[in-house]
């Protein structure tokens, strides 16, 4: 479906060349689930202070069990005065992928920006990302930005994401889809893209977080560009959905969350585009599984294919053979950013 529809919106994108894109309306897509109200208010105030003048906010609650629709509407009505807004609620919990997919369908503006419930946007975030989308010689399918990082109390702990996650490397240009097989540098809360491009990626597969999937689809189609200057304050705390080794405590956790999840992601990407690197990725997945299960030849196969992802391969070759207490210690050190 993606391959059949993406050329139509690409043609429309090209026809818009020369148009003052800053006059196009941006739909801000905010997914809500059991929000911490003081953080939500901070976010809404930062959205209301955006200097880009053509905005509409779409809020969708993912069937929060305790946060009432009436209270959500009250808070949004109080804090959002600079733009129109719509509030909807899922009948059942869909998760972040499903909720963001519904938000993409909800809106009818030409551009969309994804929004999380616990960050703080800088005033010129949308103005600067739209300017990049308009002026970049790459003619990007998707643009994103860097972020500063704060803790749950609002204290800055890193001025840029690269300082917080040492292996986080931003890329720009065409032909970067192979890099996105292994790791994602695009944070959904920083993304600006055309709605038609996002629609062509629906539905988001369960096996890939929506921002990673959008980044891969965009890179498979054309270019990605990014702003080096941080445009929001990204909050890191215990409830974040993504993070290094999130949910991993045992070797069995590692297998389910790192090996199985990666293989499912690769298979989802293979439905988007037939990159030869995806075949290499699937062979590496088989070697990882064989090594984990201690099958004959598994260690040798993973060693032979280690170039696909040297750091992960070497970690699994040795860490998965560690005594359980030592393995758990290694995981904790990785989670804390020590390793």
Protein backbone atom coordinates (compact mmCIF):
# COMPACT_ATOMS: atom_id res chain seq x y z
CA UNK A 1 0.00 0.00 0.00
CA UNK A 2 2.82 2.38 0.87
CA UNK A 3 4.58 1.89 -2.44
CA UNK A 4 1.37 2.41 -4.44
CA UNK A 5 0.32 5.62 -2.72
CA UNK A 6 3.55 7.42 -1.92
CA UNK A 7 4.15 8.59 -5.48
CA UNK A 8 0.83 10.44 -5.55
CA UNK A 9 1.65 12.56 -2.51
CA UNK A 10 5.22 13.01 -3.76
CA UNK A 11 3.81 14.55 -6.94
CA UNK A 12 1.62 16.87 -4.89
CA UNK A 13 4.64 17.80 -2.80
CA UNK A 14 6.57 18.77 -5.90
CA UNK A 15 3.66 20.86 -7.17
CA UNK A 16 3.87 22.92 -3.99
CA UNK A 17 7.38 24.14 -4.81
CA UNK A 18 7.45 27.89 -4.84
CA UNK A 19 4.40 28.19 -2.56
CA UNK A 20 4.93 29.96 0.75
CA UNK A 21 4.78 26.84 2.86
CA UNK A 22 4.84 28.80 6.11
CA UNK A 23 1.21 29.75 5.35
CA UNK A 24 0.16 26.12 5.40
CA UNK A 25 -1.66 24.92 8.53
CA UNK A 26 0.08 22.43 10.80
CA UNK A 27 -1.99 19.92 12.76
CA UNK A 28 -0.43 19.23 16.16
CA UNK A 29 -1.28 15.63 17.09
CA UNK A 30 -1.28 15.05 20.84
CA UNK A 31 -1.77 11.55 22.25
CA UNK A 32 -2.89 11.39 25.90
CA UNK A 33 -2.89 8.55 28.40
CA UNK A 34 -3.19 9.00 32.17
CA UNK A 35 -1.30 12.30 32.01
CA UNK A 36 0.42 13.89 34.97
CA UNK A 37 -1.52 17.12 34.99
CA UNK A 38 1.27 19.58 35.86
CA UNK A 39 3.37 18.23 33.00
CA UNK A 40 0.40 18.35 30.64
CA UNK A 41 -0.23 21.98 31.56
CA UNK A 42 3.43 22.82 30.87
CA UNK A 43 3.14 21.20 27.46
CA UNK A 44 -0.14 22.91 26.57
CA UNK A 45 1.25 26.31 27.58
CA UNK A 46 4.26 25.71 25.35
CA UNK A 47 1.98 24.79 22.43
CA UNK A 48 -0.10 27.90 23.01
CA UNK A 49 3.07 30.01 22.87
CA UNK A 50 4.17 28.78 19.43
CA UNK A 51 5.12 31.63 17.10
CA UNK A 52 3.95 29.81 13.98
CA UNK A 53 0.46 31.28 13.43
CA UNK A 54 -1.38 28.59 11.47
CA UNK A 55 -2.05 25.70 13.84
CA UNK A 56 -4.79 23.35 14.94
CA UNK A 57 -4.49 21.01 17.92
CA UNK A 58 -5.92 17.49 17.84
CA UNK A 59 -6.03 15.68 21.18
CA UNK A 60 -6.91 12.01 21.51
CA UNK A 61 -7.12 10.21 24.85
CA UNK A 62 -6.23 6.53 24.73
CA UNK A 63 -9.07 5.44 27.03
CA UNK A 64 -7.40 6.66 30.23
CA UNK A 65 -8.98 4.70 33.11
CA UNK A 66 -8.81 7.50 35.72
CA UNK A 67 -8.30 10.81 33.89
CA UNK A 68 -11.80 12.00 33.02
CA UNK A 69 -12.76 13.39 29.59
CA UNK A 70 -14.38 16.36 31.37
CA UNK A 71 -11.16 17.27 33.17
CA UNK A 72 -9.13 16.92 29.98
CA UNK A 73 -11.49 19.24 28.11
CA UNK A 74 -11.40 21.73 30.98
CA UNK A 75 -7.60 21.83 31.03
CA UNK A 76 -7.24 22.12 27.25
CA UNK A 77 -9.91 24.85 27.09
CA UNK A 78 -8.13 26.82 29.80
CA UNK A 79 -4.63 26.59 28.34
CA UNK A 80 -5.18 26.58 24.56
CA UNK A 81 -6.40 29.99 23.41
CA UNK A 82 -4.21 30.67 20.38
CA UNK A 83 -5.54 27.94 18.06
CA UNK A 84 -8.64 25.81 17.48
CA UNK A 85 -8.64 22.32 18.93
CA UNK A 86 -10.54 19.05 18.86
CA UNK A 87 -10.62 16.42 21.61
CA UNK A 88 -11.53 12.78 21.02
CA UNK A 89 -11.30 9.60 23.04
CA UNK A 90 -10.61 6.01 22.04
CA UNK A 91 -13.36 3.57 22.97
CA UNK A 92 -10.65 1.13 24.05
CA UNK A 93 -6.94 1.35 24.66
CA UNK A 94 -5.04 1.27 21.35
CA UNK A 95 -1.53 2.06 22.54
CA UNK A 96 0.58 4.91 21.22
CA UNK A 97 0.85 3.54 17.67
CA UNK A 98 -2.90 3.09 17.33
CA UNK A 99 -3.67 6.45 18.90
CA UNK A 100 -1.27 8.36 16.68
CA UNK A 101 -2.65 6.52 13.63
CA UNK A 102 -6.15 7.70 14.58
CA UNK A 103 -4.84 11.24 15.03
CA UNK A 104 -3.37 11.20 11.52
CA UNK A 105 -6.80 10.16 10.24
CA UNK A 106 -8.58 12.74 12.41
CA UNK A 107 -6.94 15.82 10.95
CA UNK A 108 -7.33 17.38 7.53
CA UNK A 109 -4.43 19.88 7.53
CA UNK A 110 -1.59 19.54 5.00
CA UNK A 111 1.18 19.22 7.61
CA UNK A 112 1.37 17.32 10.87
CA UNK A 113 3.57 17.47 13.96
CA UNK A 114 3.48 14.67 16.52
CA UNK A 115 3.32 15.59 20.20
CA UNK A 116 3.88 13.71 23.48
CA UNK A 117 2.14 14.69 26.71
CA UNK A 118 5.16 15.36 28.92
CA UNK A 119 7.62 17.57 26.99
CA UNK A 120 7.96 21.33 26.68
CA UNK A 121 8.22 22.90 23.23
CA UNK A 122 10.33 25.99 22.62
CA UNK A 123 8.33 28.90 21.13
CA UNK A 124 9.83 28.74 17.62
CA UNK A 125 9.82 24.95 17.26
CA UNK A 126 7.16 24.75 14.56
CA UNK A 127 8.24 27.96 12.82
CA UNK A 128 11.80 26.72 12.47
CA UNK A 129 10.87 23.19 11.41
CA UNK A 130 8.53 24.54 8.74
CA UNK A 131 11.24 26.89 7.54
CA UNK A 132 13.59 23.92 7.24
CA UNK A 133 10.98 21.90 5.38
CA UNK A 134 10.57 24.83 2.96
CA UNK A 135 14.18 25.83 2.47
CA UNK A 136 16.16 22.60 2.69
CA UNK A 137 17.88 21.77 -0.60
CA UNK A 138 17.23 18.11 0.20
CA UNK A 139 13.47 18.59 -0.30
CA UNK A 140 12.91 16.29 2.67
CA UNK A 141 10.00 13.94 3.21
CA UNK A 142 10.41 14.40 6.97
CA UNK A 143 12.22 16.88 9.20
CA UNK A 144 13.07 16.54 12.87
CA UNK A 145 15.12 18.37 15.47
CA UNK A 146 17.51 17.88 18.31
CA UNK A 147 16.28 18.22 21.92
CA UNK A 148 17.62 19.16 25.30
CA UNK A 149 16.93 16.65 28.06
CA UNK A 150 15.39 17.25 31.48
CA UNK A 151 14.50 14.98 34.37
CA UNK A 152 11.10 14.50 36.01
CA UNK A 153 11.61 17.63 38.12
CA UNK A 154 12.35 19.81 35.09
CA UNK A 155 16.09 20.02 35.71
CA UNK A 156 18.22 19.98 32.56
CA UNK A 157 20.51 16.97 32.43
CA UNK A 158 21.80 17.35 28.86
CA UNK A 159 21.85 20.24 26.41
CA UNK A 160 21.55 17.84 23.46
CA UNK A 161 20.33 14.30 23.00
CA UNK A 162 23.84 13.14 22.01
CA UNK A 163 25.06 14.04 25.50
CA UNK A 164 22.34 11.89 27.07
CA UNK A 165 22.51 8.92 24.71
CA UNK A 166 26.07 8.55 23.54
CA UNK A 167 25.17 6.44 20.51
CA UNK A 168 22.44 8.81 19.29
CA UNK A 169 23.65 10.17 15.94
CA UNK A 170 21.52 12.45 13.76
CA UNK A 171 21.71 11.95 10.00
CA UNK A 172 20.48 13.92 7.01
CA UNK A 173 20.17 13.23 3.33
CA UNK A 174 19.00 10.42 1.08
CA UNK A 175 19.89 6.74 1.28
CA UNK A 176 19.86 6.47 5.06
CA UNK A 177 17.14 3.81 5.32
CA UNK A 178 19.75 1.03 5.87
CA UNK A 179 21.05 2.87 8.94
CA UNK A 180 17.53 3.06 10.33
CA UNK A 181 17.22 -0.73 10.34
CA UNK A 182 19.40 -0.89 13.45
CA UNK A 183 18.59 2.29 15.32
CA UNK A 184 16.35 5.31 15.14
CA UNK A 185 17.50 8.90 15.57
CA UNK A 186 14.10 10.50 14.82
CA UNK A 187 12.09 11.35 17.94
CA UNK A 188 8.40 11.50 17.14
CA UNK A 189 7.82 14.62 19.23
CA UNK A 190 10.17 16.54 16.90
CA UNK A 191 8.73 15.37 13.55
CA UNK A 192 7.12 17.58 10.91
CA UNK A 193 5.90 16.02 7.67
CA UNK A 194 3.07 16.14 5.17
CA UNK A 195 -0.09 14.39 6.29
CA UNK A 196 -0.35 12.53 2.97
CA UNK A 197 3.07 11.01 3.58
CA UNK A 198 2.03 9.79 7.02
CA UNK A 199 -1.29 8.48 5.72
CA UNK A 200 0.55 6.37 3.17
CA UNK A 201 2.35 4.61 6.05
CA UNK A 202 -0.81 3.54 7.90
CA UNK A 203 -1.48 1.31 9.67
CA UNK A 204 1.55 1.48 11.91
CA UNK A 205 2.71 -2.10 12.59
CA UNK A 206 2.66 -3.27 16.19
CA UNK A 207 6.29 -4.33 15.90
CA UNK A 208 7.74 -0.83 15.35
CA UNK A 209 7.25 2.38 17.34
CA UNK A 210 5.48 4.89 15.09
CA UNK A 211 8.35 7.41 14.90
CA UNK A 212 10.84 4.74 13.84
CA UNK A 213 8.46 3.41 11.20
CA UNK A 214 7.75 6.89 9.82
CA UNK A 215 11.48 7.62 9.69
CA UNK A 216 12.19 4.41 7.78
CA UNK A 217 9.33 5.01 5.32
CA UNK A 218 10.48 8.60 4.76
CA UNK A 219 14.08 7.50 4.21
CA UNK A 220 12.96 4.78 1.80
CA UNK A 221 11.11 7.42 -0.21
CA UNK A 222 13.56 10.32 -0.15
CA UNK A 223 15.48 12.51 2.26
CA UNK A 224 15.37 13.40 5.93
CA UNK A 225 16.69 16.66 7.33
CA UNK A 226 17.05 17.91 10.88
CA UNK A 227 17.74 21.00 12.95
CA UNK A 228 20.89 20.74 15.01
CA UNK A 229 19.55 23.31 17.49
CA UNK A 230 17.27 21.74 20.14
CA UNK A 231 13.63 22.79 19.75
CA UNK A 232 12.05 21.18 22.80
CA UNK A 233 12.83 20.06 26.31
CA UNK A 234 12.50 16.26 26.32
CA UNK A 235 11.51 14.77 29.66
CA UNK A 236 13.23 11.56 30.77
CA UNK A 237 11.68 9.67 33.66
CA UNK A 238 10.58 6.19 34.68
CA UNK A 239 7.44 6.23 32.55
CA UNK A 240 9.04 6.88 29.17
CA UNK A 241 7.91 4.37 26.56
CA UNK A 242 11.31 3.98 24.94
CA UNK A 243 14.84 3.89 26.33
CA UNK A 244 17.99 1.80 26.31
CA UNK A 245 17.16 -1.76 27.46
CA UNK A 246 13.68 -0.73 28.63
CA UNK A 247 11.95 -3.65 30.34
CA UNK A 248 15.02 -5.90 30.31
CA UNK A 249 16.00 -7.58 33.58
CA UNK A 250 16.66 -11.22 32.60
CA UNK A 251 18.09 -13.07 29.63
CA UNK A 252 14.56 -14.13 28.68
CA UNK A 253 13.50 -10.45 28.72
CA UNK A 254 16.45 -9.66 26.49
CA UNK A 255 15.45 -12.31 23.98
CA UNK A 256 11.83 -11.13 23.79
CA UNK A 257 12.51 -7.38 23.80
CA UNK A 258 15.75 -7.17 21.83
CA UNK A 259 16.02 -10.20 19.55
CA UNK A 260 12.39 -10.99 18.74
CA UNK A 261 11.38 -7.32 18.55
CA UNK A 262 14.21 -6.55 16.15
CA UNK A 263 13.29 -9.44 13.86
CA UNK A 264 9.64 -8.31 13.78
CA UNK A 265 10.80 -4.79 12.97
CA UNK A 266 12.94 -6.03 10.08
CA UNK A 267 10.01 -7.98 8.64
CA UNK A 268 7.81 -4.88 8.87
CA UNK A 269 10.45 -2.81 7.07
CA UNK A 270 10.76 -5.47 4.37
CA UNK A 271 7.13 -4.78 3.43
CA UNK A 272 8.04 -1.14 2.72
CA UNK A 273 11.03 -1.60 0.43
CA UNK A 274 13.21 -4.52 -0.76
CA UNK A 275 16.57 -3.26 0.52
CA UNK A 276 19.35 -5.87 0.26
CA UNK A 277 20.45 -4.85 3.76
CA UNK A 278 17.16 -6.26 5.07
CA UNK A 279 18.19 -9.72 3.84
CA UNK A 280 21.45 -9.32 5.74
CA UNK A 281 19.43 -8.24 8.79
CA UNK A 282 17.27 -11.36 8.64
CA UNK A 283 20.36 -13.59 8.42
CA UNK A 284 21.77 -11.79 11.46
CA UNK A 285 18.47 -12.33 13.29
CA UNK A 286 18.70 -16.06 12.69
CA UNK A 287 22.28 -16.10 13.97
CA UNK A 288 21.27 -14.15 17.11
CA UNK A 289 18.44 -16.58 17.83
CA UNK A 290 20.71 -19.61 17.32
CA UNK A 291 23.39 -18.11 19.55
CA UNK A 292 20.90 -17.30 22.31
CA UNK A 293 19.49 -20.83 22.32
CA UNK A 294 22.98 -22.31 22.38
CA UNK A 295 22.47 -24.21 19.14
CA UNK A 296 25.43 -25.78 17.40
CA UNK A 297 27.07 -23.26 15.09
CA UNK A 298 25.18 -20.32 16.61
CA UNK A 299 28.23 -18.66 18.13
CA UNK A 300 30.19 -19.06 14.90
CA UNK A 301 27.33 -17.71 12.77
CA UNK A 302 26.90 -14.59 14.91
CA UNK A 303 30.66 -13.98 14.94
CA UNK A 304 30.74 -14.29 11.15
CA UNK A 305 27.88 -11.78 10.75
CA UNK A 306 29.04 -9.41 13.49
CA UNK A 307 29.76 -6.59 11.03
CA UNK A 308 26.03 -6.02 10.63
CA UNK A 309 26.01 -4.67 14.20
CA UNK A 310 29.34 -5.16 15.88
CA UNK A 311 28.48 -3.77 19.32
CA UNK A 312 25.31 -5.84 19.75
CA UNK A 313 26.90 -8.97 18.30
CA UNK A 314 29.89 -8.89 20.63
CA UNK A 315 27.66 -8.12 23.60
CA UNK A 316 25.45 -11.13 22.87
CA UNK A 317 28.35 -13.45 22.12
CA UNK A 318 29.71 -12.95 25.62
CA UNK A 319 27.03 -11.41 27.86
CA UNK A 320 24.49 -14.13 27.13
CA UNK A 321 27.03 -16.64 28.46
CA UNK A 322 27.60 -14.73 31.69
CA UNK A 323 26.22 -15.99 34.99
CA UNK A 324 22.78 -14.46 35.57
CA UNK A 325 23.84 -12.02 38.34
CA UNK A 326 26.66 -10.64 36.20
CA UNK A 327 24.33 -10.33 33.19
CA UNK A 328 21.82 -8.37 35.28
CA UNK A 329 24.57 -6.05 36.47
CA UNK A 330 25.66 -5.40 32.87
CA UNK A 331 22.08 -4.56 31.89
CA UNK A 332 21.70 -2.13 34.80
CA UNK A 333 24.94 -0.38 33.83
CA UNK A 334 23.71 -0.03 30.25
CA UNK A 335 20.36 1.35 31.43
CA UNK A 336 22.17 3.95 33.52
CA UNK A 337 24.39 4.95 30.59
CA UNK A 338 27.59 3.69 32.20
CA UNK A 339 28.21 1.16 29.40
